[in-house]
């Protein structure tokens, strides 16, 4: 349950202002059809994060526990720093209009998530918790928590969220996870 809850919270916070949330806003403004956009976001996220979770589990199996602890701890700290760098969406990611609303969203979101903060976080969280299902369900829910309001409410809500504060909170959570992992506290407290 911890893996699910931590994954959900971290991704929901990290996604605010992320390029995929900006992409959701662009798609919502362009197509004005929220249900196929939300369905495309969901499917793209499940597939992308399932692959990332499997990679994380594979990484956990490749390294000795002590080496993995250092890799994960430094990865979480790196994520904390990365969260403080603002994202911008590339117009190329919204260019798949010939695929229809659902297809455009599916392809654009899947590609936008490649190497994105939330995908890297999913890899690290799956390696940390060794529970791919709980992590993927959590990170997917976190993506939906952040992106569904963006699709439904569009630009009206996006500018009202304190993006820097939310990213700061997520960065602090990643920093705490990184330090706890490096100090071995994650194992002692079941994180």
N, C-alpha and C. Protein backbone atom coordinates (compact mmCIF):
# COMPACT_ATOMS: atom_id res chain seq x y z
N UNK A 1 0.82 -1.18 0.00
CA UNK A 1 0.00 0.00 0.00
C UNK A 1 0.87 1.26 0.00
N UNK A 2 2.01 1.18 0.70
CA UNK A 2 2.91 2.33 0.74
C UNK A 2 3.43 2.69 -0.65
N UNK A 3 3.81 1.66 -1.41
CA UNK A 3 4.32 1.91 -2.76
C UNK A 3 3.27 2.62 -3.61
N UNK A 4 2.01 2.20 -3.50
CA UNK A 4 0.92 2.82 -4.24
C UNK A 4 0.72 4.27 -3.82
N UNK A 5 0.63 4.51 -2.53
CA UNK A 5 0.35 5.86 -2.03
C UNK A 5 1.50 6.83 -2.32
N UNK A 6 2.72 6.40 -2.09
CA UNK A 6 3.88 7.26 -2.37
C UNK A 6 3.98 7.55 -3.86
N UNK A 7 3.79 6.53 -4.68
CA UNK A 7 3.85 6.71 -6.14
C UNK A 7 2.77 7.67 -6.62
N UNK A 8 1.57 7.53 -6.09
CA UNK A 8 0.48 8.41 -6.48
C UNK A 8 0.80 9.86 -6.11
N UNK A 9 1.18 10.07 -4.87
CA UNK A 9 1.44 11.43 -4.39
C UNK A 9 2.58 12.11 -5.11
N UNK A 10 3.67 11.40 -5.28
CA UNK A 10 4.84 12.00 -5.92
C UNK A 10 4.53 12.38 -7.37
N UNK A 11 3.91 11.48 -8.11
CA UNK A 11 3.64 11.77 -9.52
C UNK A 11 2.57 12.86 -9.66
N UNK A 12 1.55 12.84 -8.82
CA UNK A 12 0.53 13.89 -8.90
C UNK A 12 1.16 15.27 -8.69
N UNK A 13 2.05 15.37 -7.73
CA UNK A 13 2.73 16.65 -7.48
C UNK A 13 3.74 16.99 -8.57
N UNK A 14 4.50 15.99 -9.00
CA UNK A 14 5.54 16.23 -10.01
C UNK A 14 4.94 16.61 -11.36
N UNK A 15 3.74 16.15 -11.63
CA UNK A 15 3.12 16.36 -12.94
C UNK A 15 2.60 17.79 -13.13
N UNK A 16 2.35 18.51 -12.04
CA UNK A 16 1.84 19.88 -12.16
C UNK A 16 2.88 20.73 -12.88
N UNK A 17 2.49 21.29 -14.01
CA UNK A 17 3.39 22.13 -14.80
C UNK A 17 4.33 21.35 -15.70
N UNK A 18 4.24 20.01 -15.66
CA UNK A 18 5.09 19.17 -16.49
C UNK A 18 4.65 19.31 -17.95
N UNK A 19 5.54 18.92 -18.87
CA UNK A 19 5.21 19.09 -20.29
C UNK A 19 4.00 18.26 -20.70
N UNK A 20 3.75 17.11 -20.04
CA UNK A 20 2.58 16.34 -20.41
C UNK A 20 1.30 17.02 -19.93
N UNK A 21 1.36 17.74 -18.83
CA UNK A 21 0.19 18.49 -18.41
C UNK A 21 -0.06 19.65 -19.37
N UNK A 22 1.01 20.28 -19.82
CA UNK A 22 0.87 21.33 -20.83
C UNK A 22 0.31 20.74 -22.13
N UNK A 23 0.75 19.54 -22.47
CA UNK A 23 0.23 18.86 -23.65
C UNK A 23 -1.27 18.58 -23.49
N UNK A 24 -1.69 18.17 -22.29
CA UNK A 24 -3.11 17.94 -22.03
C UNK A 24 -3.91 19.22 -22.25
N UNK A 25 -3.37 20.35 -21.82
CA UNK A 25 -4.05 21.63 -22.03
C UNK A 25 -4.16 21.95 -23.51
N UNK A 26 -3.10 21.72 -24.25
CA UNK A 26 -3.10 21.99 -25.69
C UNK A 26 -4.12 21.10 -26.40
N UNK A 27 -4.12 19.81 -26.07
CA UNK A 27 -5.07 18.89 -26.70
C UNK A 27 -6.51 19.25 -26.35
N UNK A 28 -6.75 19.63 -25.10
CA UNK A 28 -8.10 20.02 -24.68
C UNK A 28 -8.57 21.26 -25.43
N UNK A 29 -7.69 22.22 -25.59
CA UNK A 29 -8.05 23.45 -26.31
C UNK A 29 -8.25 23.17 -27.80
N UNK A 30 -7.45 22.28 -28.33
CA UNK A 30 -7.51 22.00 -29.77
C UNK A 30 -8.73 21.16 -30.15
N UNK A 31 -8.99 20.10 -29.40
CA UNK A 31 -10.03 19.16 -29.79
C UNK A 31 -11.36 19.36 -29.06
N UNK A 32 -11.33 19.88 -27.85
CA UNK A 32 -12.54 20.11 -27.05
C UNK A 32 -13.41 18.85 -26.93
N UNK A 33 -12.73 17.71 -26.75
CA UNK A 33 -13.41 16.42 -26.56
C UNK A 33 -12.71 15.70 -25.41
N UNK A 34 -13.10 15.98 -24.17
CA UNK A 34 -12.35 15.49 -23.01
C UNK A 34 -12.29 13.97 -22.86
N UNK A 35 -13.36 13.24 -23.14
CA UNK A 35 -13.34 11.79 -22.88
C UNK A 35 -12.30 11.04 -23.70
N UNK A 36 -12.17 11.26 -25.02
CA UNK A 36 -11.12 10.55 -25.74
C UNK A 36 -9.71 11.01 -25.33
N UNK A 37 -9.59 12.25 -24.92
CA UNK A 37 -8.28 12.75 -24.45
C UNK A 37 -7.91 12.05 -23.15
N UNK A 38 -8.85 11.98 -22.22
CA UNK A 38 -8.59 11.31 -20.93
C UNK A 38 -8.29 9.83 -21.15
N UNK A 39 -9.03 9.18 -22.03
CA UNK A 39 -8.78 7.76 -22.33
C UNK A 39 -7.39 7.57 -22.93
N UNK A 40 -6.99 8.46 -23.82
CA UNK A 40 -5.66 8.38 -24.43
C UNK A 40 -4.55 8.58 -23.41
N UNK A 41 -4.75 9.54 -22.51
CA UNK A 41 -3.77 9.78 -21.44
C UNK A 41 -3.65 8.54 -20.57
N UNK A 42 -4.79 7.95 -20.20
CA UNK A 42 -4.78 6.77 -19.33
C UNK A 42 -4.03 5.61 -19.97
N UNK A 43 -4.38 5.26 -21.20
CA UNK A 43 -3.75 4.11 -21.85
C UNK A 43 -2.26 4.36 -22.10
N UNK A 44 -1.91 5.54 -22.55
CA UNK A 44 -0.49 5.86 -22.78
C UNK A 44 0.30 5.77 -21.49
N UNK A 45 -0.29 6.23 -20.40
CA UNK A 45 0.40 6.20 -19.10
C UNK A 45 0.55 4.77 -18.60
N UNK A 46 -0.50 3.98 -18.69
CA UNK A 46 -0.42 2.59 -18.22
C UNK A 46 0.69 1.84 -18.97
N UNK A 47 0.70 1.94 -20.29
CA UNK A 47 1.70 1.22 -21.08
C UNK A 47 3.10 1.75 -20.78
N UNK A 48 3.27 3.07 -20.80
CA UNK A 48 4.58 3.66 -20.57
C UNK A 48 5.11 3.33 -19.18
N UNK A 49 4.26 3.47 -18.18
CA UNK A 49 4.71 3.24 -16.81
C UNK A 49 4.87 1.75 -16.50
N UNK A 50 4.11 0.89 -17.17
CA UNK A 50 4.33 -0.56 -16.99
C UNK A 50 5.71 -0.95 -17.51
N UNK A 51 6.08 -0.40 -18.66
CA UNK A 51 7.42 -0.65 -19.19
C UNK A 51 8.50 -0.09 -18.26
N UNK A 52 8.25 1.11 -17.74
CA UNK A 52 9.21 1.73 -16.81
C UNK A 52 9.31 0.93 -15.52
N UNK A 53 8.17 0.45 -15.02
CA UNK A 53 8.17 -0.36 -13.80
C UNK A 53 8.93 -1.66 -13.99
N UNK A 54 8.74 -2.31 -15.14
CA UNK A 54 9.47 -3.55 -15.43
C UNK A 54 10.97 -3.27 -15.50
N UNK A 55 11.33 -2.15 -16.10
CA UNK A 55 12.75 -1.77 -16.15
C UNK A 55 13.30 -1.57 -14.74
N UNK A 56 12.53 -0.90 -13.89
CA UNK A 56 12.95 -0.68 -12.51
C UNK A 56 13.16 -1.98 -11.76
N UNK A 57 12.27 -2.93 -11.95
CA UNK A 57 12.40 -4.24 -11.31
C UNK A 57 13.64 -4.97 -11.83
N UNK A 58 13.89 -4.84 -13.14
CA UNK A 58 15.08 -5.45 -13.73
C UNK A 58 16.35 -4.84 -13.18
N UNK A 59 16.35 -3.53 -13.02
CA UNK A 59 17.52 -2.84 -12.46
C UNK A 59 17.77 -3.32 -11.03
N UNK A 60 16.68 -3.47 -10.26
CA UNK A 60 16.82 -3.94 -8.88
C UNK A 60 17.44 -5.33 -8.83
N UNK A 61 17.15 -6.16 -9.82
CA UNK A 61 17.70 -7.52 -9.85
C UNK A 61 19.17 -7.54 -10.29
N UNK A 62 19.60 -6.51 -11.02
CA UNK A 62 20.96 -6.49 -11.56
C UNK A 62 22.03 -6.09 -10.55
N UNK A 63 21.64 -5.31 -9.57
CA UNK A 63 22.64 -4.72 -8.68
C UNK A 63 22.55 -5.30 -7.28
N UNK A 64 23.69 -5.34 -6.63
CA UNK A 64 23.74 -5.74 -5.23
C UNK A 64 22.95 -4.72 -4.41
N UNK A 65 22.36 -5.13 -3.30
CA UNK A 65 21.53 -4.21 -2.51
C UNK A 65 22.24 -2.89 -2.14
N UNK A 66 23.49 -2.96 -1.77
CA UNK A 66 24.22 -1.74 -1.38
C UNK A 66 24.40 -0.80 -2.58
N UNK A 67 24.74 -1.34 -3.73
CA UNK A 67 24.89 -0.53 -4.95
C UNK A 67 23.55 0.05 -5.36
N UNK A 68 22.50 -0.76 -5.30
CA UNK A 68 21.16 -0.30 -5.65
C UNK A 68 20.72 0.82 -4.72
N UNK A 69 21.03 0.69 -3.44
CA UNK A 69 20.66 1.74 -2.47
C UNK A 69 21.27 3.07 -2.87
N UNK A 70 22.55 3.07 -3.27
CA UNK A 70 23.21 4.31 -3.68
C UNK A 70 22.64 4.84 -5.00
N UNK A 71 22.40 3.95 -5.95
CA UNK A 71 21.81 4.37 -7.22
C UNK A 71 20.43 5.01 -7.02
N UNK A 72 19.61 4.37 -6.21
CA UNK A 72 18.27 4.89 -5.96
C UNK A 72 18.31 6.18 -5.16
N UNK A 73 19.12 6.22 -4.13
CA UNK A 73 19.22 7.43 -3.32
C UNK A 73 19.65 8.63 -4.16
N UNK A 74 20.67 8.44 -4.98
CA UNK A 74 21.14 9.53 -5.85
C UNK A 74 20.11 9.85 -6.94
N UNK A 75 19.38 8.84 -7.42
CA UNK A 75 18.33 9.09 -8.41
C UNK A 75 17.21 9.94 -7.82
N UNK A 76 16.80 9.63 -6.60
CA UNK A 76 15.75 10.41 -5.96
C UNK A 76 16.20 11.86 -5.73
N UNK A 77 17.44 12.04 -5.33
CA UNK A 77 17.97 13.40 -5.14
C UNK A 77 18.04 14.12 -6.48
N UNK A 78 18.46 13.41 -7.53
CA UNK A 78 18.47 13.99 -8.87
C UNK A 78 17.08 14.40 -9.32
N UNK A 79 16.07 13.58 -8.99
CA UNK A 79 14.68 13.93 -9.33
C UNK A 79 14.25 15.19 -8.59
N UNK A 80 14.70 15.35 -7.35
CA UNK A 80 14.36 16.55 -6.59
C UNK A 80 14.87 17.80 -7.30
N UNK A 81 16.10 17.73 -7.79
CA UNK A 81 16.68 18.87 -8.52
C UNK A 81 15.95 19.08 -9.84
N UNK A 82 15.68 18.00 -10.56
CA UNK A 82 15.04 18.08 -11.87
C UNK A 82 13.64 18.70 -11.77
N UNK A 83 12.94 18.43 -10.67
CA UNK A 83 11.60 18.98 -10.49
C UNK A 83 11.60 20.50 -10.40
N UNK A 84 12.72 21.07 -10.05
CA UNK A 84 12.81 22.53 -9.91
C UNK A 84 13.09 23.22 -11.24
N UNK A 85 13.28 22.44 -12.31
CA UNK A 85 13.53 22.99 -13.64
C UNK A 85 12.22 22.96 -14.42
N UNK A 86 11.70 24.11 -14.85
CA UNK A 86 10.41 24.14 -15.55
C UNK A 86 10.46 23.42 -16.90
N UNK A 87 9.32 22.81 -17.26
CA UNK A 87 9.17 22.11 -18.54
C UNK A 87 8.47 23.01 -19.55
N UNK A 88 8.72 22.72 -20.81
CA UNK A 88 7.98 23.35 -21.90
C UNK A 88 7.56 22.25 -22.86
N UNK A 89 6.37 22.37 -23.41
CA UNK A 89 5.90 21.38 -24.36
C UNK A 89 6.41 21.74 -25.75
N UNK A 90 6.77 20.72 -26.50
CA UNK A 90 7.20 20.94 -27.87
C UNK A 90 5.99 20.81 -28.78
N UNK A 91 5.86 21.72 -29.72
CA UNK A 91 4.71 21.68 -30.64
C UNK A 91 4.66 20.38 -31.43
N UNK A 92 5.81 19.76 -31.67
CA UNK A 92 5.85 18.50 -32.42
C UNK A 92 5.03 17.41 -31.75
N UNK A 93 4.91 17.46 -30.43
CA UNK A 93 4.20 16.41 -29.70
C UNK A 93 2.69 16.48 -29.91
N UNK A 94 2.17 17.57 -30.45
CA UNK A 94 0.73 17.70 -30.68
C UNK A 94 0.41 17.63 -32.18
N UNK A 95 1.27 17.05 -33.00
CA UNK A 95 1.12 17.10 -34.45
C UNK A 95 0.46 15.87 -35.07
N UNK A 96 -0.07 14.98 -34.28
CA UNK A 96 -0.59 13.72 -34.79
C UNK A 96 -2.10 13.78 -35.06
N UNK A 97 -2.61 14.94 -35.47
CA UNK A 97 -4.06 15.16 -35.60
C UNK A 97 -4.73 14.16 -36.53
N UNK A 98 -4.05 13.63 -37.49
CA UNK A 98 -4.67 12.70 -38.44
C UNK A 98 -5.07 11.37 -37.77
N UNK A 99 -4.61 11.14 -36.56
CA UNK A 99 -4.93 9.91 -35.84
C UNK A 99 -6.23 10.03 -35.05
N UNK A 100 -6.88 11.16 -35.10
CA UNK A 100 -8.09 11.39 -34.30
C UNK A 100 -7.71 11.82 -32.90
N UNK A 101 -8.70 12.17 -32.12
CA UNK A 101 -8.46 12.70 -30.78
C UNK A 101 -7.78 11.65 -29.88
N UNK A 102 -8.38 10.46 -29.81
CA UNK A 102 -7.81 9.40 -28.96
C UNK A 102 -6.42 9.01 -29.43
N UNK A 103 -6.25 8.74 -30.71
CA UNK A 103 -4.95 8.32 -31.26
C UNK A 103 -3.88 9.39 -31.10
N UNK A 104 -4.26 10.63 -31.33
CA UNK A 104 -3.32 11.74 -31.17
C UNK A 104 -2.84 11.82 -29.73
N UNK A 105 -3.80 11.74 -28.80
CA UNK A 105 -3.45 11.81 -27.38
C UNK A 105 -2.58 10.63 -26.97
N UNK A 106 -2.97 9.43 -27.39
CA UNK A 106 -2.22 8.22 -27.05
C UNK A 106 -0.76 8.31 -27.50
N UNK A 107 -0.55 8.63 -28.77
CA UNK A 107 0.81 8.69 -29.31
C UNK A 107 1.59 9.86 -28.71
N UNK A 108 0.96 11.02 -28.65
CA UNK A 108 1.66 12.20 -28.13
C UNK A 108 2.06 12.02 -26.66
N UNK A 109 1.14 11.49 -25.85
CA UNK A 109 1.45 11.28 -24.43
C UNK A 109 2.51 10.20 -24.24
N UNK A 110 2.40 9.12 -24.97
CA UNK A 110 3.39 8.05 -24.84
C UNK A 110 4.79 8.59 -25.16
N UNK A 111 4.90 9.32 -26.25
CA UNK A 111 6.20 9.88 -26.64
C UNK A 111 6.67 10.96 -25.67
N UNK A 112 5.75 11.78 -25.20
CA UNK A 112 6.12 12.85 -24.27
C UNK A 112 6.64 12.28 -22.94
N UNK A 113 6.13 11.10 -22.56
CA UNK A 113 6.55 10.48 -21.30
C UNK A 113 7.91 9.79 -21.39
N UNK A 114 8.40 9.55 -22.60
CA UNK A 114 9.69 8.87 -22.76
C UNK A 114 10.80 9.76 -22.18
N UNK A 115 11.43 9.27 -21.15
CA UNK A 115 12.52 10.01 -20.51
C UNK A 115 12.05 11.17 -19.67
N UNK A 116 10.74 11.29 -19.45
CA UNK A 116 10.19 12.38 -18.66
C UNK A 116 10.38 12.09 -17.17
N UNK A 117 10.20 13.11 -16.36
CA UNK A 117 10.37 12.98 -14.91
C UNK A 117 9.54 11.84 -14.34
N UNK A 118 8.28 11.77 -14.74
CA UNK A 118 7.42 10.75 -14.14
C UNK A 118 7.79 9.34 -14.59
N UNK A 119 8.31 9.19 -15.80
CA UNK A 119 8.76 7.87 -16.24
C UNK A 119 10.01 7.45 -15.46
N UNK A 120 10.95 8.37 -15.31
CA UNK A 120 12.16 8.08 -14.54
C UNK A 120 11.80 7.80 -13.08
N UNK A 121 10.85 8.56 -12.54
CA UNK A 121 10.40 8.31 -11.17
C UNK A 121 9.78 6.92 -11.05
N UNK A 122 9.03 6.50 -12.06
CA UNK A 122 8.42 5.17 -12.04
C UNK A 122 9.48 4.08 -12.02
N UNK A 123 10.53 4.25 -12.82
CA UNK A 123 11.64 3.28 -12.81
C UNK A 123 12.24 3.20 -11.41
N UNK A 124 12.55 4.36 -10.83
CA UNK A 124 13.19 4.38 -9.50
C UNK A 124 12.26 3.84 -8.42
N UNK A 125 10.99 4.21 -8.46
CA UNK A 125 10.05 3.73 -7.45
C UNK A 125 9.84 2.22 -7.55
N UNK A 126 9.77 1.68 -8.77
CA UNK A 126 9.61 0.23 -8.94
C UNK A 126 10.84 -0.50 -8.41
N UNK A 127 12.02 0.06 -8.65
CA UNK A 127 13.24 -0.55 -8.12
C UNK A 127 13.26 -0.46 -6.60
N UNK A 128 12.79 0.65 -6.06
CA UNK A 128 12.79 0.86 -4.62
C UNK A 128 11.84 -0.10 -3.91
N UNK A 129 10.63 -0.21 -4.42
CA UNK A 129 9.60 -0.96 -3.72
C UNK A 129 9.46 -2.40 -4.21
N UNK A 130 10.06 -2.74 -5.34
CA UNK A 130 9.95 -4.09 -5.91
C UNK A 130 8.50 -4.53 -6.06
N UNK A 131 7.64 -3.58 -6.33
CA UNK A 131 6.22 -3.88 -6.51
C UNK A 131 5.73 -3.11 -7.73
N UNK A 132 5.95 -3.70 -8.91
CA UNK A 132 5.64 -3.02 -10.16
C UNK A 132 4.16 -2.66 -10.22
N UNK A 133 3.28 -3.57 -9.87
CA UNK A 133 1.84 -3.32 -9.97
C UNK A 133 1.43 -2.13 -9.11
N UNK A 134 1.85 -2.10 -7.86
CA UNK A 134 1.47 -0.99 -6.97
C UNK A 134 2.04 0.33 -7.46
N UNK A 135 3.27 0.31 -7.93
CA UNK A 135 3.90 1.54 -8.42
C UNK A 135 3.22 2.02 -9.70
N UNK A 136 2.99 1.13 -10.65
CA UNK A 136 2.35 1.53 -11.91
C UNK A 136 0.93 2.03 -11.66
N UNK A 137 0.18 1.35 -10.81
CA UNK A 137 -1.16 1.84 -10.48
C UNK A 137 -1.08 3.22 -9.82
N UNK A 138 -0.13 3.39 -8.91
CA UNK A 138 0.02 4.67 -8.23
C UNK A 138 0.46 5.79 -9.15
N UNK A 139 1.47 5.52 -9.99
CA UNK A 139 1.94 6.58 -10.89
C UNK A 139 0.88 6.93 -11.94
N UNK A 140 0.13 5.91 -12.37
CA UNK A 140 -0.95 6.17 -13.33
C UNK A 140 -2.05 7.02 -12.67
N UNK A 141 -2.42 6.68 -11.44
CA UNK A 141 -3.42 7.49 -10.73
C UNK A 141 -2.90 8.92 -10.53
N UNK A 142 -1.63 9.05 -10.19
CA UNK A 142 -1.04 10.39 -10.03
C UNK A 142 -1.12 11.20 -11.31
N UNK A 143 -0.83 10.55 -12.45
CA UNK A 143 -0.94 11.23 -13.75
C UNK A 143 -2.38 11.67 -14.00
N UNK A 144 -3.33 10.81 -13.68
CA UNK A 144 -4.73 11.14 -13.92
C UNK A 144 -5.20 12.26 -12.99
N UNK A 145 -4.76 12.24 -11.74
CA UNK A 145 -5.11 13.30 -10.79
C UNK A 145 -4.64 14.65 -11.30
N UNK A 146 -3.46 14.69 -11.89
CA UNK A 146 -2.92 15.95 -12.38
C UNK A 146 -3.47 16.36 -13.73
N UNK A 147 -3.73 15.39 -14.61
CA UNK A 147 -4.08 15.73 -15.99
C UNK A 147 -5.58 15.81 -16.28
N UNK A 148 -6.40 15.05 -15.58
CA UNK A 148 -7.84 15.11 -15.85
C UNK A 148 -8.39 16.52 -15.58
N UNK A 149 -8.06 17.15 -14.45
CA UNK A 149 -8.53 18.53 -14.27
C UNK A 149 -8.01 19.47 -15.36
N UNK A 150 -6.78 19.24 -15.81
CA UNK A 150 -6.24 20.08 -16.88
C UNK A 150 -7.06 19.93 -18.15
N UNK A 151 -7.50 18.71 -18.44
CA UNK A 151 -8.32 18.49 -19.63
C UNK A 151 -9.72 19.09 -19.43
N UNK A 152 -10.31 18.85 -18.28
CA UNK A 152 -11.69 19.29 -18.04
C UNK A 152 -11.82 20.80 -17.83
N UNK A 153 -10.86 21.37 -17.16
CA UNK A 153 -10.98 22.79 -16.82
C UNK A 153 -10.07 23.69 -17.65
N UNK A 154 -9.15 23.06 -18.36
CA UNK A 154 -8.30 23.82 -19.26
C UNK A 154 -7.47 24.88 -18.59
N UNK A 155 -7.19 25.92 -19.32
CA UNK A 155 -6.30 26.99 -18.89
C UNK A 155 -6.82 27.75 -17.67
N UNK A 156 -8.14 27.72 -17.43
CA UNK A 156 -8.69 28.46 -16.29
C UNK A 156 -8.06 28.03 -14.98
N UNK A 157 -7.84 26.73 -14.81
CA UNK A 157 -7.28 26.24 -13.55
C UNK A 157 -5.75 26.19 -13.56
N UNK A 158 -5.17 25.99 -14.71
CA UNK A 158 -3.72 25.80 -14.80
C UNK A 158 -2.96 27.00 -14.25
N UNK A 159 -3.44 28.19 -14.50
CA UNK A 159 -2.72 29.38 -14.06
C UNK A 159 -2.99 29.72 -12.60
N UNK A 160 -3.95 29.06 -11.98
CA UNK A 160 -4.29 29.34 -10.59
C UNK A 160 -3.53 28.44 -9.61
N UNK A 161 -2.94 27.38 -10.10
CA UNK A 161 -2.19 26.46 -9.23
C UNK A 161 -0.81 27.04 -8.94
N UNK A 162 -0.39 27.01 -7.70
CA UNK A 162 0.95 27.51 -7.37
C UNK A 162 2.03 26.50 -7.80
N UNK A 163 2.34 26.49 -9.09
CA UNK A 163 3.22 25.49 -9.69
C UNK A 163 4.56 25.38 -8.97
N UNK A 164 5.19 26.50 -8.67
CA UNK A 164 6.50 26.45 -8.00
C UNK A 164 6.39 25.82 -6.62
N UNK A 165 5.34 26.15 -5.89
CA UNK A 165 5.15 25.56 -4.56
C UNK A 165 4.93 24.06 -4.66
N UNK A 166 4.08 23.63 -5.59
CA UNK A 166 3.80 22.21 -5.75
C UNK A 166 5.05 21.45 -6.17
N UNK A 167 5.82 22.01 -7.10
CA UNK A 167 7.08 21.37 -7.50
C UNK A 167 8.07 21.35 -6.33
N UNK A 168 8.07 22.41 -5.53
CA UNK A 168 8.94 22.45 -4.36
C UNK A 168 8.60 21.35 -3.37
N UNK A 169 7.31 21.14 -3.13
CA UNK A 169 6.87 20.07 -2.22
C UNK A 169 7.28 18.71 -2.76
N UNK A 170 7.06 18.48 -4.06
CA UNK A 170 7.47 17.21 -4.67
C UNK A 170 8.98 17.02 -4.59
N UNK A 171 9.72 18.10 -4.82
CA UNK A 171 11.19 18.03 -4.74
C UNK A 171 11.63 17.66 -3.32
N UNK A 172 10.99 18.23 -2.32
CA UNK A 172 11.33 17.91 -0.93
C UNK A 172 11.04 16.44 -0.64
N UNK A 173 9.92 15.93 -1.15
CA UNK A 173 9.58 14.52 -0.94
C UNK A 173 10.65 13.62 -1.57
N UNK A 174 11.04 13.94 -2.81
CA UNK A 174 12.10 13.16 -3.46
C UNK A 174 13.42 13.28 -2.70
N UNK A 175 13.73 14.46 -2.22
CA UNK A 175 14.97 14.66 -1.45
C UNK A 175 14.95 13.81 -0.18
N UNK A 176 13.83 13.82 0.52
CA UNK A 176 13.69 13.01 1.74
C UNK A 176 13.83 11.52 1.41
N UNK A 177 13.17 11.07 0.33
CA UNK A 177 13.30 9.68 -0.08
C UNK A 177 14.75 9.34 -0.43
N UNK A 178 15.43 10.26 -1.12
CA UNK A 178 16.83 10.04 -1.49
C UNK A 178 17.72 9.92 -0.27
N UNK A 179 17.58 10.84 0.66
CA UNK A 179 18.41 10.82 1.88
C UNK A 179 18.09 9.58 2.71
N UNK A 180 16.79 9.28 2.85
CA UNK A 180 16.40 8.09 3.61
C UNK A 180 16.97 6.82 2.99
N UNK A 181 16.97 6.77 1.67
CA UNK A 181 17.51 5.59 0.97
C UNK A 181 19.01 5.50 1.18
N UNK A 182 19.72 6.62 1.03
CA UNK A 182 21.17 6.61 1.21
C UNK A 182 21.56 6.21 2.64
N UNK A 183 20.76 6.63 3.61
CA UNK A 183 21.06 6.30 5.01
C UNK A 183 20.52 4.94 5.44
N UNK A 184 19.80 4.27 4.53
CA UNK A 184 19.24 2.97 4.85
C UNK A 184 17.98 3.07 5.69
N UNK A 185 17.45 4.27 5.86
CA UNK A 185 16.24 4.45 6.68
C UNK A 185 15.00 3.89 5.99
N UNK A 186 15.06 3.82 4.66
CA UNK A 186 13.91 3.30 3.92
C UNK A 186 13.62 1.85 4.29
N UNK A 187 14.67 1.08 4.53
CA UNK A 187 14.51 -0.33 4.90
C UNK A 187 14.04 -0.46 6.35
N UNK A 188 14.55 0.40 7.21
CA UNK A 188 14.20 0.33 8.62
C UNK A 188 12.75 0.72 8.88
N UNK A 189 12.22 1.63 8.07
CA UNK A 189 10.87 2.13 8.27
C UNK A 189 9.89 1.63 7.22
N UNK A 190 10.32 0.70 6.37
CA UNK A 190 9.43 0.08 5.40
C UNK A 190 9.05 0.95 4.23
N UNK A 191 9.90 1.91 3.88
CA UNK A 191 9.60 2.77 2.71
C UNK A 191 10.07 2.12 1.44
